[in-house]
Amino acid sequence: MSRKRYTVEAIVRMLREAEVELSMGMTVKQVSRKLGINEQTYYRWRKEYGGLRTN
């Protein structure tokens, strides 16, 4: 299986989408499946890129 590489902007956009979905009652497992990433990847991205915002 090939590895996908995401830009910082794409990661921040996905994290914002995940925040919206989580606020609507979805679980992290459901959100990560919808985004096409691993649950651990979500937590790692949130730790690393959680405070960033795009213009």
C-alpha atoms as a PDB file:
ATOM      1  CA  MET A   1       0.000   0.000   0.000  1.00  0.00           C
ATOM      2  CA  SER A   2       1.445   3.337  -1.011  1.00  0.00           C
ATOM      3  CA  ARG A   3       1.762   6.145   1.445  1.00  0.00           C
ATOM      4  CA  LYS A   4      -0.132   9.391   0.941  1.00  0.00           C
ATOM      5  CA  ARG A   5       1.539  12.693   1.639  1.00  0.00           C
ATOM      6  CA  TYR A   6      -0.568  15.670   2.615  1.00  0.00           C
ATOM      7  CA  THR A   7       0.362  19.335   2.583  1.00  0.00           C
ATOM      8  CA  VAL A   8       0.137  21.346   5.784  1.00  0.00           C
ATOM      9  CA  GLU A   9      -2.864  23.218   4.381  1.00  0.00           C
ATOM     10  CA  ALA A  10      -4.662  19.961   3.616  1.00  0.00           C
ATOM     11  CA  ILE A  11      -3.955  18.640   7.112  1.00  0.00           C
ATOM     12  CA  VAL A  12      -5.287  21.805   8.762  1.00  0.00           C
ATOM     13  CA  ARG A  13      -8.386  21.679   6.533  1.00  0.00           C
ATOM     14  CA  MET A  14      -8.991  18.045   7.490  1.00  0.00           C
ATOM     15  CA  LEU A  15      -8.570  18.833  11.187  1.00  0.00           C
ATOM     16  CA  ARG A  16     -11.126  21.646  10.945  1.00  0.00           C
ATOM     17  CA  GLU A  17     -13.556  19.310   9.193  1.00  0.00           C
ATOM     18  CA  ALA A  18     -12.958  16.750  11.929  1.00  0.00           C
ATOM     19  CA  GLU A  19     -13.737  19.345  14.622  1.00  0.00           C
ATOM     20  CA  VAL A  20     -17.088  20.059  12.977  1.00  0.00           C
ATOM     21  CA  GLU A  21     -17.950  16.373  12.702  1.00  0.00           C
ATOM     22  CA  LEU A  22     -16.920  15.715  16.308  1.00  0.00           C
ATOM     23  CA  SER A  23     -19.079  18.586  17.532  1.00  0.00           C
ATOM     24  CA  MET A  24     -22.046  16.989  15.742  1.00  0.00           C
ATOM     25  CA  GLY A  25     -21.595  13.802  17.778  1.00  0.00           C
ATOM     26  CA  MET A  26     -19.446  11.572  15.595  1.00  0.00           C
ATOM     27  CA  THR A  27     -16.658   9.569  17.201  1.00  0.00           C
ATOM     28  CA  VAL A  28     -12.972   9.937  16.352  1.00  0.00           C
ATOM     29  CA  LYS A  29     -13.050   6.505  14.746  1.00  0.00           C
ATOM     30  CA  GLN A  30     -15.921   7.516  12.449  1.00  0.00           C
ATOM     31  CA  VAL A  31     -14.309  10.837  11.565  1.00  0.00           C
ATOM     32  CA  SER A  32     -10.939   9.318  10.784  1.00  0.00           C
ATOM     33  CA  ARG A  33     -12.572   6.678   8.592  1.00  0.00           C
ATOM     34  CA  LYS A  34     -14.487   9.407   6.733  1.00  0.00           C
ATOM     35  CA  LEU A  35     -11.270  11.379   6.167  1.00  0.00           C
ATOM     36  CA  GLY A  36      -9.422   8.256   5.034  1.00  0.00           C
ATOM     37  CA  ILE A  37      -6.751   8.362   7.725  1.00  0.00           C
ATOM     38  CA  ASN A  38      -5.806   6.228  10.686  1.00  0.00           C
ATOM     39  CA  GLU A  39      -7.105   7.163  14.131  1.00  0.00           C
ATOM     40  CA  GLN A  40      -3.517   7.496  15.381  1.00  0.00           C
ATOM     41  CA  THR A  41      -2.736   9.828  12.486  1.00  0.00           C
ATOM     42  CA  TYR A  42      -5.603  12.080  13.573  1.00  0.00           C
ATOM     43  CA  TYR A  43      -4.204  12.359  17.099  1.00  0.00           C
ATOM     44  CA  ARG A  44      -0.651  12.953  15.822  1.00  0.00           C
ATOM     45  CA  TRP A  45      -1.824  15.658  13.420  1.00  0.00           C
ATOM     46  CA  ARG A  46      -3.924  17.290  16.114  1.00  0.00           C
ATOM     47  CA  LYS A  47      -0.913  17.402  18.427  1.00  0.00           C
ATOM     48  CA  GLU A  48       1.389  18.795  15.745  1.00  0.00           C
ATOM     49  CA  TYR A  49      -0.903  21.033  13.667  1.00  0.00           C
ATOM     50  CA  GLY A  50      -3.819  21.706  16.029  1.00  0.00           C
ATOM     51  CA  GLY A  51      -2.989  25.348  16.663  1.00  0.00           C
ATOM     52  CA  LEU A  52      -2.355  26.295  13.041  1.00  0.00           C
ATOM     53  CA  ARG A  53      -4.793  28.273  10.926  1.00  0.00           C
ATOM     54  CA  THR A  54      -4.851  28.878   7.186  1.00  0.00           C
ATOM     55  CA  ASN A  55      -5.330  32.252   5.541  1.00  0.00           C
END
